Amino acid sequence: MRIGAYEVLRPSIEAEPEIPLGRRYLARAGVTRVDVLMLSAELFADAATTERLRKLAQELVDPPAGVRGVLELLLQPDGTAAWVTPYSSGVQLSALLASQRTGPMPGALTVAHKLAQALAAAHQRGLRHLRLSPTEIYIEADEDDGVPVRVQ
């Protein structure tokens, strides 16, 4: 299956519980791996919403620290659309929380601090996240302190 110039490889593992906006896939263009989020058609039901999402995609081409950027917004002929974002090997916070059923999650304060920093950076640029949940927060390995947080 293809979405625009991207060959879809498989559904993303971290997308097992479907996120509110749509379904996520791992894809590639040549050797470059990307994540493709197929957005539900109802998000593009009117011109004002479509224009707002288009402007948001443009703003996220150069995202604030800790916020996952958007490489492009693909509007499909059937009325659906897709966000194409850099590939993330991170794990959804919801999956980590589910695996830590008892006791404290290691690094929880670091995750909370980095999440607050990412949201503050986004807010300084006028970006607001209206559906923030553990399914839209990714924890990725990092050489610096081992816990970078990315907000989807």
Protein backbone atom coordinates (compact mmCIF):
# COMPACT_ATOMS: atom_id res chain seq x y z
CA MET A 1 0.00 0.00 0.00
CA ARG A 2 1.20 3.52 -0.77
CA ILE A 3 0.31 6.84 0.79
CA GLY A 4 1.60 9.60 -1.44
CA ALA A 5 5.29 8.91 -2.09
CA TYR A 6 5.51 6.59 0.92
CA GLU A 7 5.44 2.80 0.89
CA VAL A 8 3.56 1.54 3.94
CA LEU A 9 5.47 -1.27 5.64
CA ARG A 10 3.11 -2.16 8.50
CA PRO A 11 0.97 -0.67 11.25
CA SER A 12 3.18 0.85 13.94
CA ILE A 13 3.59 -1.37 16.97
CA GLU A 14 2.93 1.50 19.35
CA ALA A 15 -0.38 2.15 17.63
CA GLU A 16 -2.03 -1.01 18.96
CA PRO A 17 -4.58 1.02 20.88
CA GLU A 18 -5.80 3.33 18.10
CA ILE A 19 -5.11 6.96 18.94
CA PRO A 20 -8.04 9.40 18.76
CA LEU A 21 -7.02 11.07 15.49
CA GLY A 22 -6.46 7.99 13.33
CA ARG A 23 -4.19 5.02 12.67
CA ARG A 24 -0.38 5.10 12.61
CA TYR A 25 1.80 3.22 10.12
CA LEU A 26 5.50 2.69 9.62
CA ALA A 27 6.43 3.70 6.06
CA ARG A 28 9.44 4.62 3.98
CA ALA A 29 10.52 6.73 1.05
CA GLY A 30 13.64 5.09 -0.33
CA VAL A 31 15.71 4.24 2.75
CA THR A 32 14.18 6.93 4.98
CA ARG A 33 11.74 5.56 7.56
CA VAL A 34 8.80 7.71 8.60
CA ASP A 35 5.63 7.42 10.65
CA VAL A 36 2.40 8.13 8.79
CA LEU A 37 -0.71 9.00 10.77
CA MET A 38 -3.85 8.53 8.69
CA LEU A 39 -6.23 11.21 9.93
CA SER A 40 -9.96 10.63 9.97
CA ALA A 41 -11.89 12.31 7.15
CA GLU A 42 -14.20 14.09 9.60
CA LEU A 43 -11.26 16.32 10.60
CA PHE A 44 -11.35 17.77 7.08
CA ALA A 45 -15.12 18.18 6.81
CA ASP A 46 -14.95 21.96 6.45
CA ALA A 47 -12.53 24.39 4.83
CA ALA A 48 -11.73 26.27 8.06
CA THR A 49 -10.59 23.13 9.87
CA THR A 50 -8.59 21.98 6.85
CA GLU A 51 -6.85 25.35 6.70
CA ARG A 52 -6.11 25.27 10.45
CA LEU A 53 -4.54 21.79 10.15
CA ARG A 54 -2.55 22.92 7.11
CA LYS A 55 -1.15 25.90 9.07
CA LEU A 56 -0.36 23.65 12.03
CA ALA A 57 1.56 21.27 9.73
CA GLN A 58 3.57 24.23 8.40
CA GLU A 59 4.33 25.38 11.96
CA LEU A 60 5.53 21.89 12.92
CA VAL A 61 8.02 21.66 10.05
CA ASP A 62 10.39 23.35 12.54
CA PRO A 63 9.00 22.08 15.87
CA PRO A 64 9.86 23.29 19.36
CA ALA A 65 12.14 21.03 21.43
CA GLY A 66 10.34 17.92 22.61
CA VAL A 67 7.54 18.16 20.04
CA ARG A 68 7.44 15.73 17.14
CA GLY A 69 7.65 17.58 13.87
CA VAL A 70 5.62 17.11 10.70
CA LEU A 71 7.44 16.46 7.44
CA GLU A 72 4.29 17.00 5.38
CA LEU A 73 0.51 16.89 5.34
CA LEU A 74 -0.89 14.74 2.54
CA LEU A 75 -4.47 15.46 1.47
CA GLN A 76 -5.87 12.39 -0.30
CA PRO A 77 -8.48 12.45 -3.11
CA ASP A 78 -10.91 10.41 -0.97
CA GLY A 79 -11.07 13.17 1.67
CA THR A 80 -8.67 11.57 4.14
CA ALA A 81 -5.32 13.03 5.04
CA ALA A 82 -2.06 11.94 6.61
CA TRP A 83 0.58 13.55 8.78
CA VAL A 84 4.05 12.32 7.83
CA THR A 85 6.42 12.60 10.79
CA PRO A 86 10.00 11.51 11.47
CA TYR A 87 10.23 7.86 12.49
CA SER A 88 10.19 7.29 16.23
CA SER A 89 11.46 4.15 17.89
CA GLY A 90 9.98 5.41 21.14
CA VAL A 91 7.38 3.74 23.31
CA GLN A 92 4.03 5.30 24.16
CA LEU A 93 3.78 6.43 27.78
CA SER A 94 0.50 4.47 27.98
CA ALA A 95 2.41 1.22 27.25
CA LEU A 96 4.98 2.02 29.93
CA LEU A 97 2.28 2.77 32.47
CA ALA A 98 0.49 -0.48 31.64
CA SER A 99 3.70 -2.45 32.20
CA GLN A 100 4.25 -0.74 35.58
CA ARG A 101 1.02 -1.85 37.22
CA THR A 102 2.41 -1.59 40.74
CA GLY A 103 4.95 0.71 42.26
CA PRO A 104 6.50 3.87 40.87
CA MET A 105 7.63 4.16 37.27
CA PRO A 106 11.41 4.62 37.10
CA GLY A 107 12.25 8.09 35.80
CA ALA A 108 8.70 9.42 36.30
CA LEU A 109 9.90 12.82 37.53
CA THR A 110 12.25 13.15 34.57
CA VAL A 111 9.43 12.30 32.16
CA ALA A 112 7.09 14.82 33.85
CA HIS A 113 9.77 17.53 33.76
CA LYS A 114 10.59 16.96 30.08
CA LEU A 115 6.89 16.88 29.19
CA ALA A 116 6.40 20.23 30.94
CA GLN A 117 9.38 21.67 29.04
CA ALA A 118 8.02 20.44 25.69
CA LEU A 119 4.56 21.87 26.37
CA ALA A 120 6.02 25.19 27.53
CA ALA A 121 8.12 25.45 24.35
CA ALA A 122 5.05 24.69 22.23
CA HIS A 123 2.91 27.21 24.12
CA GLN A 124 5.56 29.92 23.64
CA ARG A 125 5.10 29.43 19.89
CA GLY A 126 1.31 29.58 20.15
CA LEU A 127 0.79 25.82 19.72
CA ARG A 128 -1.81 24.10 21.88
CA HIS A 129 -2.34 20.37 22.29
CA LEU A 130 -6.04 19.73 22.72
CA ARG A 131 -5.99 15.95 23.27
CA LEU A 132 -2.91 15.28 25.37
CA SER A 133 -2.95 11.73 26.72
CA PRO A 134 -0.40 8.99 27.48
CA THR A 135 -0.95 7.57 23.97
CA GLU A 136 0.48 10.77 22.47
CA ILE A 137 3.61 10.96 24.63
CA TYR A 138 6.61 8.94 23.47
CA ILE A 139 9.64 7.98 25.52
CA GLU A 140 12.80 7.49 23.45
CA ALA A 141 16.29 6.32 24.42
CA ASP A 142 18.91 9.06 24.44
CA GLU A 143 22.64 9.31 25.07
CA ASP A 144 22.32 12.38 27.33
CA ASP A 145 20.03 11.32 30.16
CA GLY A 146 18.23 8.31 28.75
CA VAL A 147 14.73 9.76 28.83
CA PRO A 148 13.79 12.18 26.05
CA VAL A 149 10.08 12.84 25.78
CA ARG A 150 8.31 13.68 22.51
CA VAL A 151 4.77 14.99 22.35
CA GLN A 152 2.82 13.79 19.33
